[in-house]
Amino acid sequence: MEKFSSVRVAKLRRMVGLRSIVKKKFKVPTDSTHKFSVPENILDCDFKPGTLGAVWVSDTTYIKTQ
């Protein structure tokens, strides 16, 4: 079995007209004029509160919505 370098593979793909499909990353549109209340920042970047289970955090930026 032959081994090809990435440069060789790219050259061969160009020769036969193959291109990869790259999907654009989902970008969250920001709406700073919304009328929803913004919760108070009670954690204030203190990620070591001292007591196990005293602070729970999550990240929901990966959830795609309309």
PDB file of N, CA and C in Angstrom:
ATOM      1  N   MET A   1       0.849  -1.186   0.000  1.00  0.00           N
ATOM      2  CA  MET A   1       0.000   0.000   0.000  1.00  0.00           C
ATOM      3  C   MET A   1       0.894   1.249   0.000  1.00  0.00           C
ATOM      4  N   GLU A   2       0.562   2.180  -0.860  1.00  0.00           N
ATOM      5  CA  GLU A   2       1.370   3.395  -0.958  1.00  0.00           C
ATOM      6  C   GLU A   2       0.954   4.409   0.102  1.00  0.00           C
ATOM      7  N   LYS A   3       1.931   5.164   0.583  1.00  0.00           N
ATOM      8  CA  LYS A   3       1.649   6.244   1.520  1.00  0.00           C
ATOM      9  C   LYS A   3       1.854   7.553   0.793  1.00  0.00           C
ATOM     10  N   PHE A   4       0.912   8.485   0.963  1.00  0.00           N
ATOM     11  CA  PHE A   4       0.989   9.780   0.301  1.00  0.00           C
ATOM     12  C   PHE A   4       1.096  10.882   1.342  1.00  0.00           C
ATOM     13  N   SER A   5       1.865  11.907   1.047  1.00  0.00           N
ATOM     14  CA  SER A   5       1.928  13.065   1.933  1.00  0.00           C
ATOM     15  C   SER A   5       0.686  13.922   1.696  1.00  0.00           C
ATOM     16  N   SER A   6       0.402  14.813   2.624  1.00  0.00           N
ATOM     17  CA  SER A   6      -0.770  15.679   2.475  1.00  0.00           C
ATOM     18  C   SER A   6      -0.637  16.580   1.258  1.00  0.00           C
ATOM     19  N   VAL A   7       0.578  16.983   0.910  1.00  0.00           N
ATOM     20  CA  VAL A   7       0.797  17.815  -0.282  1.00  0.00           C
ATOM     21  C   VAL A   7       0.445  17.019  -1.538  1.00  0.00           C
ATOM     22  N   ARG A   8       0.879  15.769  -1.568  1.00  0.00           N
ATOM     23  CA  ARG A   8       0.584  14.909  -2.727  1.00  0.00           C
ATOM     24  C   ARG A   8      -0.917  14.678  -2.862  1.00  0.00           C
ATOM     25  N   VAL A   9      -1.581  14.415  -1.759  1.00  0.00           N
ATOM     26  CA  VAL A   9      -3.030  14.196  -1.777  1.00  0.00           C
ATOM     27  C   VAL A   9      -3.746  15.457  -2.255  1.00  0.00           C
ATOM     28  N   ALA A  10      -3.331  16.611  -1.787  1.00  0.00           N
ATOM     29  CA  ALA A  10      -3.941  17.872  -2.219  1.00  0.00           C
ATOM     30  C   ALA A  10      -3.760  18.077  -3.715  1.00  0.00           C
ATOM     31  N   LYS A  11      -2.571  17.747  -4.210  1.00  0.00           N
ATOM     32  CA  LYS A  11      -2.291  17.890  -5.637  1.00  0.00           C
ATOM     33  C   LYS A  11      -3.172  16.952  -6.466  1.00  0.00           C
ATOM     34  N   LEU A  12      -3.310  15.710  -6.009  1.00  0.00           N
ATOM     35  CA  LEU A  12      -4.156  14.740  -6.711  1.00  0.00           C
ATOM     36  C   LEU A  12      -5.629  15.169  -6.700  1.00  0.00           C
ATOM     37  N   ARG A  13      -6.082  15.684  -5.566  1.00  0.00           N
ATOM     38  CA  ARG A  13      -7.474  16.162  -5.487  1.00  0.00           C
ATOM     39  C   ARG A  13      -7.708  17.299  -6.458  1.00  0.00           C
ATOM     40  N   ARG A  14      -6.756  18.232  -6.537  1.00  0.00           N
ATOM     41  CA  ARG A  14      -6.896  19.348  -7.481  1.00  0.00           C
ATOM     42  C   ARG A  14      -6.946  18.854  -8.923  1.00  0.00           C
ATOM     43  N   MET A  15      -6.135  17.844  -9.229  1.00  0.00           N
ATOM     44  CA  MET A  15      -6.083  17.310 -10.590  1.00  0.00           C
ATOM     45  C   MET A  15      -7.428  16.735 -11.027  1.00  0.00           C
ATOM     46  N   VAL A  16      -8.139  16.077 -10.111  1.00  0.00           N
ATOM     47  CA  VAL A  16      -9.420  15.466 -10.483  1.00  0.00           C
ATOM     48  C   VAL A  16     -10.612  16.337 -10.115  1.00  0.00           C
ATOM     49  N   GLY A  17     -10.348  17.509  -9.517  1.00  0.00           N
ATOM     50  CA  GLY A  17     -11.421  18.456  -9.210  1.00  0.00           C
ATOM     51  C   GLY A  17     -12.211  18.156  -7.955  1.00  0.00           C
ATOM     52  N   LEU A  18     -11.623  17.452  -7.010  1.00  0.00           N
ATOM     53  CA  LEU A  18     -12.313  17.170  -5.743  1.00  0.00           C
ATOM     54  C   LEU A  18     -12.077  18.303  -4.755  1.00  0.00           C
ATOM     55  N   ARG A  19     -13.138  18.681  -4.048  1.00  0.00           N
ATOM     56  CA  ARG A  19     -13.031  19.712  -3.018  1.00  0.00           C
ATOM     57  C   ARG A  19     -13.765  19.246  -1.781  1.00  0.00           C
ATOM     58  N   SER A  20     -13.295  19.623  -0.624  1.00  0.00           N
ATOM     59  CA  SER A  20     -13.983  19.265   0.613  1.00  0.00           C
ATOM     60  C   SER A  20     -15.128  20.239   0.863  1.00  0.00           C
ATOM     61  N   ILE A  21     -16.100  19.779   1.615  1.00  0.00           N
ATOM     62  CA  ILE A  21     -17.228  20.623   1.991  1.00  0.00           C
ATOM     63  C   ILE A  21     -17.005  21.067   3.433  1.00  0.00           C
ATOM     64  N   VAL A  22     -16.906  22.357   3.647  1.00  0.00           N
ATOM     65  CA  VAL A  22     -16.688  22.898   4.981  1.00  0.00           C
ATOM     66  C   VAL A  22     -17.944  23.650   5.398  1.00  0.00           C
ATOM     67  N   LYS A  23     -18.559  23.180   6.488  1.00  0.00           N
ATOM     68  CA  LYS A  23     -19.753  23.859   6.989  1.00  0.00           C
ATOM     69  C   LYS A  23     -19.324  25.027   7.864  1.00  0.00           C
ATOM     70  N   LYS A  24     -20.039  26.128   7.754  1.00  0.00           N
ATOM     71  CA  LYS A  24     -19.745  27.274   8.605  1.00  0.00           C
ATOM     72  C   LYS A  24     -20.186  26.974  10.025  1.00  0.00           C
ATOM     73  N   LYS A  25     -19.410  27.444  10.977  1.00  0.00           N
ATOM     74  CA  LYS A  25     -19.734  27.261  12.378  1.00  0.00           C
ATOM     75  C   LYS A  25     -20.963  28.093  12.724  1.00  0.00           C
ATOM     76  N   PHE A  26     -21.830  27.533  13.558  1.00  0.00           N
ATOM     77  CA  PHE A  26     -23.031  28.242  13.982  1.00  0.00           C
ATOM     78  C   PHE A  26     -22.647  29.464  14.806  1.00  0.00           C
ATOM     79  N   LYS A  27     -23.167  30.608  14.440  1.00  0.00           N
ATOM     80  CA  LYS A  27     -22.876  31.843  15.152  1.00  0.00           C
ATOM     81  C   LYS A  27     -24.162  32.348  15.798  1.00  0.00           C
ATOM     82  N   VAL A  28     -24.111  32.608  17.084  1.00  0.00           N
ATOM     83  CA  VAL A  28     -25.277  33.072  17.811  1.00  0.00           C
ATOM     84  C   VAL A  28     -25.454  34.564  17.561  1.00  0.00           C
ATOM     85  N   PRO A  29     -26.607  34.949  17.023  1.00  0.00           N
ATOM     86  CA  PRO A  29     -26.838  36.384  16.852  1.00  0.00           C
ATOM     87  C   PRO A  29     -27.105  37.022  18.212  1.00  0.00           C
ATOM     88  N   THR A  30     -26.487  38.137  18.464  1.00  0.00           N
ATOM     89  CA  THR A  30     -26.696  38.801  19.754  1.00  0.00           C
ATOM     90  C   THR A  30     -27.796  39.837  19.617  1.00  0.00           C
ATOM     91  N   ASP A  31     -28.621  39.918  20.629  1.00  0.00           N
ATOM     92  CA  ASP A  31     -29.717  40.888  20.651  1.00  0.00           C
ATOM     93  C   ASP A  31     -29.668  41.590  21.997  1.00  0.00           C
ATOM     94  N   SER A  32     -28.982  42.699  22.052  1.00  0.00           N
ATOM     95  CA  SER A  32     -28.848  43.403  23.325  1.00  0.00           C
ATOM     96  C   SER A  32     -30.045  44.290  23.634  1.00  0.00           C
ATOM     97  N   THR A  33     -31.036  44.322  22.750  1.00  0.00           N
ATOM     98  CA  THR A  33     -32.211  45.162  22.989  1.00  0.00           C
ATOM     99  C   THR A  33     -33.391  44.349  23.502  1.00  0.00           C
ATOM    100  N   HIS A  34     -33.147  43.120  23.994  1.00  0.00           N
ATOM    101  CA  HIS A  34     -34.255  42.297  24.471  1.00  0.00           C
ATOM    102  C   HIS A  34     -34.832  42.872  25.759  1.00  0.00           C
ATOM    103  N   LYS A  35     -36.038  42.439  26.086  1.00  0.00           N
ATOM    104  CA  LYS A  35     -36.736  42.964  27.268  1.00  0.00           C
ATOM    105  C   LYS A  35     -36.709  41.976  28.433  1.00  0.00           C
ATOM    106  N   PHE A  36     -35.882  40.935  28.323  1.00  0.00           N
ATOM    107  CA  PHE A  36     -35.806  39.947  29.391  1.00  0.00           C
ATOM    108  C   PHE A  36     -34.892  40.445  30.502  1.00  0.00           C
ATOM    109  N   SER A  37     -35.165  40.004  31.711  1.00  0.00           N
ATOM    110  CA  SER A  37     -34.315  40.410  32.829  1.00  0.00           C
ATOM    111  C   SER A  37     -33.000  39.637  32.779  1.00  0.00           C
ATOM    112  N   VAL A  38     -31.932  40.266  33.189  1.00  0.00           N
ATOM    113  CA  VAL A  38     -30.619  39.633  33.245  1.00  0.00           C
ATOM    114  C   VAL A  38     -30.381  39.231  34.692  1.00  0.00           C
ATOM    115  N   PRO A  39     -30.139  37.939  34.951  1.00  0.00           N
ATOM    116  CA  PRO A  39     -29.952  37.505  36.338  1.00  0.00           C
ATOM    117  C   PRO A  39     -28.697  38.096  36.959  1.00  0.00           C
ATOM    118  N   GLU A  40     -28.743  38.251  38.248  1.00  0.00           N
ATOM    119  CA  GLU A  40     -27.608  38.804  38.995  1.00  0.00           C
ATOM    120  C   GLU A  40     -26.432  37.830  38.972  1.00  0.00           C
ATOM    121  N   ASN A  41     -25.225  38.329  38.864  1.00  0.00           N
ATOM    122  CA  ASN A  41     -24.024  37.507  38.846  1.00  0.00           C
ATOM    123  C   ASN A  41     -23.584  37.249  40.289  1.00  0.00           C
ATOM    124  N   ILE A  42     -24.168  36.222  40.899  1.00  0.00           N
ATOM    125  CA  ILE A  42     -23.845  35.946  42.298  1.00  0.00           C
ATOM    126  C   ILE A  42     -22.559  35.130  42.443  1.00  0.00           C
ATOM    127  N   LEU A  43     -22.126  34.467  41.356  1.00  0.00           N
ATOM    128  CA  LEU A  43     -20.888  33.692  41.414  1.00  0.00           C
ATOM    129  C   LEU A  43     -19.674  34.609  41.363  1.00  0.00           C
ATOM    130  N   ASP A  44     -19.729  35.650  40.577  1.00  0.00           N
ATOM    131  CA  ASP A  44     -18.677  36.659  40.455  1.00  0.00           C
ATOM    132  C   ASP A  44     -17.299  36.029  40.223  1.00  0.00           C
ATOM    133  N   CYS A  45     -17.255  35.040  39.308  1.00  0.00           N
ATOM    134  CA  CYS A  45     -16.012  34.364  38.899  1.00  0.00           C
ATOM    135  C   CYS A  45     -15.294  33.653  40.044  1.00  0.00           C
ATOM    136  N   ASP A  46     -15.981  33.330  41.121  1.00  0.00           N
ATOM    137  CA  ASP A  46     -15.395  32.563  42.216  1.00  0.00           C
ATOM    138  C   ASP A  46     -15.694  31.090  41.951  1.00  0.00           C
ATOM    139  N   PHE A  47     -14.803  30.404  41.200  1.00  0.00           N
ATOM    140  CA  PHE A  47     -15.053  29.042  40.794  1.00  0.00           C
ATOM    141  C   PHE A  47     -14.580  28.014  41.817  1.00  0.00           C
ATOM    142  N   LYS A  48     -14.102  28.462  42.963  1.00  0.00           N
ATOM    143  CA  LYS A  48     -13.712  27.559  44.046  1.00  0.00           C
ATOM    144  C   LYS A  48     -14.410  28.021  45.323  1.00  0.00           C
ATOM    145  N   PRO A  49     -15.706  27.735  45.455  1.00  0.00           N
ATOM    146  CA  PRO A  49     -16.463  28.256  46.590  1.00  0.00           C
ATOM    147  C   PRO A  49     -16.111  27.623  47.934  1.00  0.00           C
ATOM    148  N   GLY A  50     -15.410  26.466  47.935  1.00  0.00           N
ATOM    149  CA  GLY A  50     -15.016  25.870  49.212  1.00  0.00           C
ATOM    150  C   GLY A  50     -15.886  24.705  49.634  1.00  0.00           C
ATOM    151  N   THR A  51     -17.145  24.686  49.255  1.00  0.00           N
ATOM    152  CA  THR A  51     -18.052  23.611  49.618  1.00  0.00           C
ATOM    153  C   THR A  51     -18.436  22.832  48.367  1.00  0.00           C
ATOM    154  N   LEU A  52     -18.331  21.518  48.438  1.00  0.00           N
ATOM    155  CA  LEU A  52     -18.660  20.670  47.303  1.00  0.00           C
ATOM    156  C   LEU A  52     -20.157  20.769  46.987  1.00  0.00           C
ATOM    157  N   GLY A  53     -20.498  21.062  45.755  1.00  0.00           N
ATOM    158  CA  GLY A  53     -21.894  21.142  45.331  1.00  0.00           C
ATOM    159  C   GLY A  53     -22.559  22.471  45.626  1.00  0.00           C
ATOM    160  N   ALA A  54     -21.800  23.452  46.116  1.00  0.00           N
ATOM    161  CA  ALA A  54     -22.401  24.749  46.445  1.00  0.00           C
ATOM    162  C   ALA A  54     -22.703  25.559  45.184  1.00  0.00           C
ATOM    163  N   VAL A  55     -21.930  25.331  44.135  1.00  0.00           N
ATOM    164  CA  VAL A  55     -22.106  26.098  42.900  1.00  0.00           C
ATOM    165  C   VAL A  55     -22.179  25.129  41.736  1.00  0.00           C
ATOM    166  N   TRP A  56     -23.210  25.274  40.911  1.00  0.00           N
ATOM    167  CA  TRP A  56     -23.351  24.478  39.701  1.00  0.00           C
ATOM    168  C   TRP A  56     -23.342  25.439  38.530  1.00  0.00           C
ATOM    169  N   VAL A  57     -22.567  25.123  37.500  1.00  0.00           N
ATOM    170  CA  VAL A  57     -22.532  25.962  36.316  1.00  0.00           C
ATOM    171  C   VAL A  57     -22.774  25.094  35.083  1.00  0.00           C
ATOM    172  N   SER A  58     -23.196  25.727  33.988  1.00  0.00           N
ATOM    173  CA  SER A  58     -23.395  25.007  32.740  1.00  0.00           C
ATOM    174  C   SER A  58     -23.151  25.951  31.575  1.00  0.00           C
ATOM    175  N   ASP A  59     -23.029  25.369  30.403  1.00  0.00           N
ATOM    176  CA  ASP A  59     -22.808  26.156  29.208  1.00  0.00           C
ATOM    177  C   ASP A  59     -23.865  25.743  28.184  1.00  0.00           C
ATOM    178  N   THR A  60     -24.722  26.662  27.814  1.00  0.00           N
ATOM    179  CA  THR A  60     -25.793  26.350  26.868  1.00  0.00           C
ATOM    180  C   THR A  60     -25.546  27.012  25.507  1.00  0.00           C
ATOM    181  N   THR A  61     -24.332  27.473  25.256  1.00  0.00           N
ATOM    182  CA  THR A  61     -24.062  28.164  23.993  1.00  0.00           C
ATOM    183  C   THR A  61     -24.060  27.189  22.816  1.00  0.00           C
ATOM    184  N   TYR A  62     -23.993  25.884  23.100  1.00  0.00           N
ATOM    185  CA  TYR A  62     -23.985  24.905  22.006  1.00  0.00           C
ATOM    186  C   TYR A  62     -25.377  24.581  21.510  1.00  0.00           C
ATOM    187  N   ILE A  63     -26.423  25.003  22.213  1.00  0.00           N
ATOM    188  CA  ILE A  63     -27.797  24.679  21.843  1.00  0.00           C
ATOM    189  C   ILE A  63     -28.255  25.614  20.727  1.00  0.00           C
ATOM    190  N   LYS A  64     -28.606  25.023  19.586  1.00  0.00           N
ATOM    191  CA  LYS A  64     -29.033  25.805  18.425  1.00  0.00           C
ATOM    192  C   LYS A  64     -30.527  26.132  18.567  1.00  0.00           C
ATOM    193  N   THR A  65     -30.861  27.382  18.512  1.00  0.00           N
ATOM    194  CA  THR A  65     -32.256  27.807  18.619  1.00  0.00           C
ATOM    195  C   THR A  65     -32.598  28.718  17.429  1.00  0.00           C
ATOM    196  N   GLN A  66     -33.861  29.066  17.332  1.00  0.00           N
ATOM    197  CA  GLN A  66     -34.257  29.982  16.268  1.00  0.00           C
ATOM    198  C   GLN A  66     -33.855  31.370  16.656  1.00  0.00           C
TER     199      GLN A  66
END
